[in-house]
Amino acid sequence: MTTRRLAFIAAAIVSSATSAPGFAEPAAPSPDEAAGQPLDTTFPPESILGEWCTQKEENRPPARVNFVLAKNGSYMGILSWSSEPRKDVHNKDPNLRDRSVVGIVLMWNLHYDDGEYVDGYVYNPEDGGTYRVKLELASPESLKVRGYLGISLLGQTKVWTRFHP
């Protein structure tokens, strides 16, 4: 080991050994704690119902998705409004390319399990692809949406906010 690495390790050991255990500074509260939400809050399954505003992004118009209970007991999200309505031109099925994207089911087969909506699928009108999706309510006003390929580790998370007319 190099002298520099040994000095760093020694300093870390001395620092931890000499700090008084009862006098450590408390950790800063998480955003959920600061907002008055306990860390392990789970919301009832029906909390997802209603309209949610998508996260604003470059090259993607703002939109709203309305979550409803499907006949089979799962949840689905329907694109209810878009600031720039357009046709579903990237759909893999040529017969569907002339339909408007507003009114289509974007998410389906979402099952509530221990605070998350899992096992779902999401259709992306930007490329005509279908991906996996899972959702989680961070608060009554904030919804985490994670789209992914295969495993959730290979994905992207967006945060949507509840729509209030």
Protein backbone atom coordinates (compact mmCIF):
# COMPACT_ATOMS: atom_id res chain seq x y z
CA MET A 1 0.00 0.00 0.00
CA THR A 2 1.10 3.49 -0.67
CA THR A 3 1.86 5.91 2.12
CA ARG A 4 -0.99 8.18 1.01
CA ARG A 5 -3.54 5.33 1.19
CA LEU A 6 -2.26 4.25 4.65
CA ALA A 7 -2.53 7.83 5.91
CA PHE A 8 -6.10 8.07 4.64
CA ILE A 9 -7.12 4.78 6.29
CA ALA A 10 -5.43 5.76 9.54
CA ALA A 11 -7.17 9.14 9.55
CA ALA A 12 -10.54 7.46 8.96
CA ILE A 13 -9.97 5.01 11.82
CA VAL A 14 -8.84 7.73 14.22
CA SER A 15 -11.75 9.95 13.23
CA SER A 16 -14.32 7.23 13.85
CA ALA A 17 -12.64 6.07 17.06
CA THR A 18 -12.50 9.54 18.61
CA SER A 19 -16.00 10.73 17.76
CA ALA A 20 -18.44 10.54 20.62
CA PRO A 21 -21.26 8.17 19.63
CA GLY A 22 -23.95 10.13 21.45
CA PHE A 23 -23.01 13.45 19.92
CA ALA A 24 -23.23 12.75 16.21
CA GLU A 25 -25.13 15.33 14.19
CA PRO A 26 -28.52 14.12 13.04
CA ALA A 27 -28.87 13.38 9.34
CA ALA A 28 -30.73 15.91 7.23
CA PRO A 29 -34.35 14.92 6.67
CA SER A 30 -35.28 13.37 3.33
CA PRO A 31 -37.56 15.39 1.03
CA ASP A 32 -40.49 13.16 2.05
CA GLU A 33 -39.80 13.70 5.76
CA ALA A 34 -39.39 17.43 5.21
CA ALA A 35 -42.75 17.46 3.40
CA GLY A 36 -44.38 15.73 6.36
CA GLN A 37 -44.54 12.28 4.72
CA PRO A 38 -43.05 9.41 6.73
CA LEU A 39 -40.47 7.38 4.81
CA ASP A 40 -42.41 4.13 4.68
CA THR A 41 -45.82 5.55 3.79
CA THR A 42 -47.83 3.34 1.50
CA PHE A 43 -50.99 4.64 -0.05
CA PRO A 44 -54.18 2.70 -0.78
CA PRO A 45 -54.31 1.14 -4.26
CA GLU A 46 -56.98 3.55 -5.51
CA SER A 47 -54.69 6.53 -4.80
CA ILE A 48 -53.40 6.35 -8.36
CA LEU A 49 -56.83 7.00 -9.86
CA GLY A 50 -57.28 10.33 -11.60
CA GLU A 51 -55.32 12.54 -13.93
CA TRP A 52 -51.56 13.08 -13.78
CA CYS A 53 -49.40 15.63 -15.62
CA THR A 54 -46.34 14.22 -17.34
CA GLN A 55 -42.91 15.61 -16.62
CA LYS A 56 -41.93 18.43 -18.98
CA GLU A 57 -39.16 17.40 -21.33
CA GLU A 58 -37.36 18.76 -24.34
CA ASN A 59 -38.94 17.51 -27.61
CA ARG A 60 -41.95 16.03 -25.79
CA PRO A 61 -45.14 18.07 -25.38
CA PRO A 62 -46.80 18.26 -21.97
CA ALA A 63 -49.62 15.75 -21.55
CA ARG A 64 -51.96 14.22 -19.00
CA VAL A 65 -52.65 10.56 -18.29
CA ASN A 66 -55.86 9.43 -16.58
CA PHE A 67 -55.55 6.26 -14.50
CA VAL A 68 -58.63 4.07 -14.20
CA LEU A 69 -59.48 0.64 -12.87
CA ALA A 70 -59.69 -1.93 -15.69
CA LYS A 71 -62.39 -4.59 -15.84
CA ASN A 72 -59.88 -7.27 -14.80
CA GLY A 73 -58.96 -5.39 -11.57
CA SER A 74 -55.64 -4.02 -12.82
CA TYR A 75 -55.00 -0.32 -13.46
CA MET A 76 -54.47 1.37 -16.80
CA GLY A 77 -53.48 4.85 -17.94
CA ILE A 78 -55.18 6.60 -20.86
CA LEU A 79 -53.66 9.63 -22.57
CA SER A 80 -56.37 12.19 -21.84
CA TRP A 81 -54.81 15.43 -23.09
CA SER A 82 -51.77 16.62 -25.04
CA SER A 83 -50.65 20.19 -25.71
CA GLU A 84 -49.74 19.02 -29.23
CA PRO A 85 -52.16 16.26 -30.28
CA ARG A 86 -50.87 14.19 -33.19
CA LYS A 87 -51.36 10.91 -35.02
CA ASP A 88 -49.83 7.62 -33.88
CA VAL A 89 -47.47 7.60 -36.89
CA HIS A 90 -44.84 5.32 -35.32
CA ASN A 91 -47.23 2.49 -34.45
CA LYS A 92 -45.98 -0.96 -35.54
CA ASP A 93 -49.47 -1.65 -36.93
CA PRO A 94 -49.96 0.41 -40.14
CA ASN A 95 -53.75 0.33 -39.61
CA LEU A 96 -53.38 2.34 -36.39
CA ARG A 97 -51.04 5.07 -37.66
CA ASP A 98 -53.89 7.42 -38.55
CA ARG A 99 -55.45 7.45 -35.06
CA SER A 100 -54.88 10.26 -32.58
CA VAL A 101 -52.63 9.47 -29.64
CA VAL A 102 -55.11 11.26 -27.34
CA GLY A 103 -57.51 8.65 -26.02
CA ILE A 104 -55.24 5.62 -26.42
CA VAL A 105 -54.31 3.32 -23.55
CA LEU A 106 -50.66 4.10 -22.79
CA MET A 107 -50.25 1.86 -19.72
CA TRP A 108 -51.97 -1.37 -18.82
CA ASN A 109 -51.79 -4.46 -16.61
CA LEU A 110 -50.61 -2.50 -13.56
CA HIS A 111 -51.11 -4.54 -10.38
CA TYR A 112 -50.83 -3.02 -6.92
CA ASP A 113 -48.28 -4.83 -4.75
CA ASP A 114 -46.86 -3.48 -1.50
CA GLY A 115 -47.08 0.19 -2.43
CA GLU A 116 -46.07 -0.18 -6.09
CA TYR A 117 -47.95 -0.76 -9.32
CA VAL A 118 -45.98 -3.53 -11.02
CA ASP A 119 -46.03 -5.94 -13.97
CA GLY A 120 -47.30 -3.22 -16.30
CA TYR A 121 -46.62 -2.24 -19.88
CA VAL A 122 -46.30 1.18 -21.47
CA TYR A 123 -46.73 2.13 -25.11
CA ASN A 124 -44.44 4.91 -26.31
CA PRO A 125 -45.99 6.80 -29.24
CA GLU A 126 -42.61 8.51 -29.83
CA ASP A 127 -41.15 5.28 -31.25
CA GLY A 128 -44.06 2.83 -31.40
CA GLY A 129 -42.39 0.55 -28.86
CA THR A 130 -43.89 -1.23 -25.88
CA TYR A 131 -41.86 -1.39 -22.67
CA ARG A 132 -42.25 -2.56 -19.08
CA VAL A 133 -43.33 -0.05 -16.48
CA LYS A 134 -43.76 0.21 -12.73
CA LEU A 135 -45.18 3.10 -10.75
CA GLU A 136 -44.98 4.27 -7.18
CA LEU A 137 -46.74 7.09 -5.37
CA ALA A 138 -44.08 9.21 -3.67
CA SER A 139 -46.84 11.35 -2.14
CA PRO A 140 -50.53 11.99 -2.87
CA GLU A 141 -49.36 14.59 -5.43
CA SER A 142 -46.27 12.87 -6.91
CA LEU A 143 -46.04 9.69 -9.01
CA LYS A 144 -42.75 7.99 -9.93
CA VAL A 145 -42.99 6.32 -13.34
CA ARG A 146 -40.18 3.91 -14.29
CA GLY A 147 -40.06 2.57 -17.85
CA TYR A 148 -37.54 -0.15 -18.58
CA LEU A 149 -36.35 -2.95 -20.84
CA GLY A 150 -36.36 -6.41 -19.27
CA ILE A 151 -35.20 -5.46 -15.78
CA SER A 152 -35.99 -2.29 -13.87
CA LEU A 153 -32.27 -1.52 -13.52
CA LEU A 154 -32.17 -0.75 -17.26
CA GLY A 155 -34.64 2.08 -17.34
CA GLN A 156 -35.55 5.66 -16.72
CA THR A 157 -37.65 7.28 -14.01
CA LYS A 158 -39.88 10.31 -14.47
CA VAL A 159 -41.89 12.13 -11.82
CA TRP A 160 -45.44 13.18 -12.63
CA THR A 161 -47.68 15.48 -10.63
CA ARG A 162 -51.39 15.16 -9.94
CA PHE A 163 -53.58 17.35 -12.13
CA HIS A 164 -55.94 19.77 -10.42
CA PRO A 165 -58.44 21.46 -12.78
